[in-house]
């Protein structure tokens, strides 16, 4: 099934889903006390098809022993979850 014509509201909802998935993934695995900042950027481009580009950076306290690679895992989880999330936008 293909995606229906997406509105700006749809794109906002998809973007929020991706952002929240990444943030939740990280916060479940790293104490908020260890996090200085999380920078998540979600770029969506939609003409005939949906293009998604996600970048994320995690800034940890210098005393944190958390693995910064958790960011890559979080982005991968967001991409995996996106396919089933998009089921609600199919024709």
N, C-alpha and C. Protein backbone atom coordinates (compact mmCIF):
# COMPACT_ATOMS: atom_id res chain seq x y z
N UNK A 1 0.84 -1.18 0.00
CA UNK A 1 0.00 0.00 0.00
C UNK A 1 0.88 1.25 0.00
N UNK A 2 0.40 2.22 -0.69
CA UNK A 2 1.15 3.47 -0.74
C UNK A 2 0.60 4.46 0.30
N UNK A 3 1.38 5.47 0.57
CA UNK A 3 0.94 6.50 1.50
C UNK A 3 -0.10 7.38 0.84
N UNK A 4 -1.06 7.81 1.61
CA UNK A 4 -2.02 8.79 1.11
C UNK A 4 -1.29 10.13 0.98
N UNK A 5 -1.93 11.11 0.40
CA UNK A 5 -1.33 12.44 0.30
C UNK A 5 -1.20 13.00 1.72
N UNK A 6 0.03 13.31 2.11
CA UNK A 6 0.28 13.77 3.47
C UNK A 6 0.14 15.29 3.59
N UNK A 7 -0.47 15.72 4.68
CA UNK A 7 -0.64 17.14 4.96
C UNK A 7 0.52 17.61 5.84
N UNK A 8 0.61 18.91 6.04
CA UNK A 8 1.62 19.45 6.96
C UNK A 8 1.41 18.89 8.36
N UNK A 9 0.15 18.74 8.76
CA UNK A 9 -0.17 18.16 10.06
C UNK A 9 0.33 16.73 10.18
N UNK A 10 0.17 15.95 9.09
CA UNK A 10 0.67 14.58 9.07
C UNK A 10 2.19 14.56 9.24
N UNK A 11 2.87 15.44 8.52
CA UNK A 11 4.33 15.51 8.60
C UNK A 11 4.78 15.90 10.00
N UNK A 12 4.05 16.83 10.62
CA UNK A 12 4.35 17.21 12.01
C UNK A 12 4.19 16.02 12.95
N UNK A 13 3.14 15.24 12.73
CA UNK A 13 2.88 14.07 13.58
C UNK A 13 3.98 13.02 13.41
N UNK A 14 4.41 12.79 12.17
CA UNK A 14 5.49 11.84 11.90
C UNK A 14 6.78 12.32 12.53
N UNK A 15 7.07 13.60 12.38
CA UNK A 15 8.28 14.18 12.95
C UNK A 15 8.28 14.04 14.47
N UNK A 16 7.14 14.34 15.11
CA UNK A 16 7.03 14.21 16.56
C UNK A 16 7.22 12.77 17.01
N UNK A 17 6.65 11.83 16.26
CA UNK A 17 6.83 10.41 16.58
C UNK A 17 8.30 10.04 16.59
N UNK A 18 9.03 10.44 15.54
CA UNK A 18 10.44 10.10 15.44
C UNK A 18 11.25 10.75 16.56
N UNK A 19 10.99 12.01 16.80
CA UNK A 19 11.70 12.74 17.86
C UNK A 19 11.45 12.08 19.23
N UNK A 20 10.20 11.79 19.53
CA UNK A 20 9.84 11.19 20.82
C UNK A 20 10.40 9.78 20.97
N UNK A 21 10.42 9.02 19.87
CA UNK A 21 10.96 7.66 19.92
C UNK A 21 12.44 7.68 20.29
N UNK A 22 13.18 8.60 19.68
CA UNK A 22 14.61 8.71 19.97
C UNK A 22 14.83 9.18 21.41
N UNK A 23 14.14 10.21 21.79
CA UNK A 23 14.28 10.76 23.14
C UNK A 23 13.93 9.73 24.20
N UNK A 24 12.79 9.05 24.03
CA UNK A 24 12.36 8.03 25.00
C UNK A 24 13.37 6.88 25.08
N UNK A 25 13.88 6.46 23.91
CA UNK A 25 14.85 5.36 23.87
C UNK A 25 16.07 5.71 24.72
N UNK A 26 16.57 6.91 24.53
CA UNK A 26 17.77 7.35 25.27
C UNK A 26 17.47 7.49 26.76
N UNK A 27 16.35 8.14 27.09
CA UNK A 27 16.04 8.41 28.50
C UNK A 27 15.72 7.14 29.29
N UNK A 28 15.34 6.07 28.61
CA UNK A 28 15.11 4.79 29.30
C UNK A 28 16.42 4.09 29.64
N UNK A 29 17.50 4.51 28.97
CA UNK A 29 18.78 3.82 29.13
C UNK A 29 19.86 4.66 29.80
N UNK A 30 19.66 5.97 29.82
CA UNK A 30 20.66 6.87 30.41
C UNK A 30 19.93 7.79 31.39
N UNK A 31 20.47 7.89 32.58
CA UNK A 31 19.88 8.76 33.60
C UNK A 31 19.91 10.21 33.11
N UNK A 32 18.81 10.91 33.33
CA UNK A 32 18.75 12.31 32.91
C UNK A 32 19.82 13.16 33.61
N UNK A 33 20.29 12.69 34.76
CA UNK A 33 21.35 13.41 35.48
C UNK A 33 22.68 13.37 34.72
N UNK A 34 22.84 12.37 33.86
CA UNK A 34 24.07 12.22 33.09
C UNK A 34 24.03 12.99 31.77
N UNK A 35 22.85 13.45 31.39
CA UNK A 35 22.67 14.09 30.08
C UNK A 35 22.76 15.61 30.23
N UNK A 36 23.65 16.20 29.46
CA UNK A 36 23.76 17.65 29.41
C UNK A 36 22.76 18.19 28.39
N UNK A 37 22.69 17.52 27.22
CA UNK A 37 21.77 17.96 26.17
C UNK A 37 21.57 16.84 25.17
N UNK A 38 20.42 16.84 24.54
CA UNK A 38 20.14 15.95 23.42
C UNK A 38 19.70 16.83 22.27
N UNK A 39 20.35 16.67 21.12
CA UNK A 39 19.99 17.45 19.94
C UNK A 39 19.48 16.48 18.88
N UNK A 40 18.19 16.57 18.57
CA UNK A 40 17.57 15.68 17.59
C UNK A 40 17.01 16.53 16.47
N UNK A 41 17.40 16.21 15.24
CA UNK A 41 16.89 16.91 14.07
C UNK A 41 16.22 15.90 13.16
N UNK A 42 14.97 16.17 12.80
CA UNK A 42 14.22 15.31 11.90
C UNK A 42 13.84 16.16 10.69
N UNK A 43 14.32 15.75 9.52
CA UNK A 43 13.97 16.44 8.28
C UNK A 43 13.10 15.51 7.44
N UNK A 44 11.93 16.00 7.08
CA UNK A 44 11.02 15.24 6.24
C UNK A 44 10.82 16.00 4.94
N UNK A 45 10.90 15.28 3.84
CA UNK A 45 10.63 15.87 2.54
C UNK A 45 9.57 15.00 1.88
N UNK A 46 8.52 15.63 1.44
CA UNK A 46 7.44 14.86 0.84
C UNK A 46 6.98 15.53 -0.45
N UNK A 47 7.21 14.85 -1.55
CA UNK A 47 6.64 15.26 -2.83
C UNK A 47 5.85 14.05 -3.34
N UNK A 48 6.49 13.18 -4.08
CA UNK A 48 5.83 11.94 -4.52
C UNK A 48 6.04 10.82 -3.51
N UNK A 49 7.10 10.94 -2.73
CA UNK A 49 7.39 9.94 -1.71
C UNK A 49 7.95 10.64 -0.48
N UNK A 50 7.94 9.92 0.62
CA UNK A 50 8.43 10.49 1.88
C UNK A 50 9.91 10.18 2.03
N UNK A 51 10.69 11.23 2.26
CA UNK A 51 12.12 11.07 2.54
C UNK A 51 12.36 11.54 3.97
N UNK A 52 13.09 10.73 4.70
CA UNK A 52 13.32 11.00 6.12
C UNK A 52 14.83 11.03 6.38
N UNK A 53 15.27 12.08 7.06
CA UNK A 53 16.66 12.18 7.47
C UNK A 53 16.68 12.56 8.95
N UNK A 54 17.34 11.75 9.75
CA UNK A 54 17.39 11.97 11.20
C UNK A 54 18.85 12.10 11.62
N UNK A 55 19.10 13.11 12.42
CA UNK A 55 20.42 13.20 13.05
C UNK A 55 20.19 13.48 14.54
N UNK A 56 21.06 12.91 15.35
CA UNK A 56 20.92 13.09 16.80
C UNK A 56 22.31 13.12 17.42
N UNK A 57 22.44 13.97 18.42
CA UNK A 57 23.68 14.04 19.19
C UNK A 57 23.32 14.05 20.66
N UNK A 58 24.12 13.35 21.41
CA UNK A 58 23.92 13.24 22.86
C UNK A 58 25.16 13.82 23.55
N UNK A 59 24.93 14.80 24.39
CA UNK A 59 26.01 15.42 25.15
C UNK A 59 25.90 14.95 26.59
N UNK A 60 26.91 14.22 27.02
CA UNK A 60 26.89 13.62 28.35
C UNK A 60 27.78 14.39 29.32
N UNK A 61 27.41 14.32 30.58
CA UNK A 61 28.25 14.86 31.64
C UNK A 61 29.60 14.16 31.57
N UNK A 62 30.65 14.89 31.88
CA UNK A 62 32.00 14.31 31.79
C UNK A 62 32.21 13.12 32.71
N UNK A 63 31.40 12.98 33.75
CA UNK A 63 31.53 11.85 34.67
C UNK A 63 30.67 10.65 34.26
N UNK A 64 29.88 10.82 33.21
CA UNK A 64 28.99 9.75 32.77
C UNK A 64 29.78 8.60 32.17
N UNK A 65 29.32 7.38 32.44
CA UNK A 65 29.94 6.22 31.81
C UNK A 65 29.01 5.61 30.75
N UNK A 66 27.98 6.34 30.37
CA UNK A 66 27.05 5.88 29.34
C UNK A 66 27.76 5.83 27.99
N UNK A 67 27.37 4.87 27.18
CA UNK A 67 27.95 4.71 25.85
C UNK A 67 27.30 5.70 24.88
N UNK A 68 28.08 6.61 24.30
CA UNK A 68 27.50 7.57 23.34
C UNK A 68 26.89 6.89 22.11
N UNK A 69 27.25 5.63 21.87
CA UNK A 69 26.68 4.87 20.75
C UNK A 69 25.20 4.62 20.90
N UNK A 70 24.67 4.92 22.07
CA UNK A 70 23.23 4.75 22.31
C UNK A 70 22.42 5.60 21.33
N UNK A 71 23.02 6.69 20.85
CA UNK A 71 22.33 7.57 19.91
C UNK A 71 22.05 6.83 18.61
N UNK A 72 23.04 6.10 18.10
CA UNK A 72 22.84 5.34 16.86
C UNK A 72 21.76 4.28 17.04
N UNK A 73 21.76 3.64 18.19
CA UNK A 73 20.73 2.64 18.47
C UNK A 73 19.34 3.30 18.50
N UNK A 74 19.26 4.48 19.07
CA UNK A 74 17.98 5.20 19.17
C UNK A 74 17.47 5.60 17.79
N UNK A 75 18.36 6.07 16.93
CA UNK A 75 17.97 6.45 15.57
C UNK A 75 17.52 5.21 14.80
N UNK A 76 18.24 4.11 14.94
CA UNK A 76 17.84 2.86 14.28
C UNK A 76 16.46 2.41 14.75
N UNK A 77 16.21 2.53 16.05
CA UNK A 77 14.90 2.15 16.60
C UNK A 77 13.80 3.03 16.03
N UNK A 78 14.08 4.31 15.84
CA UNK A 78 13.09 5.23 15.27
C UNK A 78 12.77 4.84 13.82
N UNK A 79 13.80 4.53 13.04
CA UNK A 79 13.56 4.11 11.65
C UNK A 79 12.76 2.81 11.61
N UNK A 80 13.08 1.87 12.51
CA UNK A 80 12.34 0.60 12.54
C UNK A 80 10.88 0.83 12.92
N UNK A 81 10.63 1.71 13.88
CA UNK A 81 9.27 1.98 14.31
C UNK A 81 8.46 2.79 13.31
N UNK A 82 9.16 3.50 12.44
CA UNK A 82 8.47 4.37 11.48
C UNK A 82 7.57 3.59 10.54
N UNK A 83 8.02 2.44 10.07
CA UNK A 83 7.24 1.68 9.09
C UNK A 83 5.85 1.33 9.63
N UNK A 84 5.80 0.82 10.85
CA UNK A 84 4.49 0.47 11.41
C UNK A 84 3.69 1.73 11.75
N UNK A 85 4.36 2.80 12.16
CA UNK A 85 3.66 4.06 12.44
C UNK A 85 3.00 4.59 11.17
N UNK A 86 3.68 4.43 10.03
CA UNK A 86 3.14 4.93 8.76
C UNK A 86 1.92 4.13 8.28
N UNK A 87 1.65 2.99 8.88
CA UNK A 87 0.45 2.22 8.51
C UNK A 87 -0.81 3.07 8.67
N UNK A 88 -0.81 3.99 9.60
CA UNK A 88 -1.96 4.86 9.81
C UNK A 88 -2.11 5.93 8.74
N UNK A 89 -1.16 6.00 7.83
CA UNK A 89 -1.20 7.01 6.77
C UNK A 89 -1.30 6.37 5.38
N UNK A 90 -1.63 5.10 5.34
CA UNK A 90 -1.72 4.41 4.04
C UNK A 90 -3.14 4.44 3.49
N UNK A 91 -3.19 4.36 2.17
CA UNK A 91 -4.50 4.36 1.48
C UNK A 91 -5.13 2.99 1.55
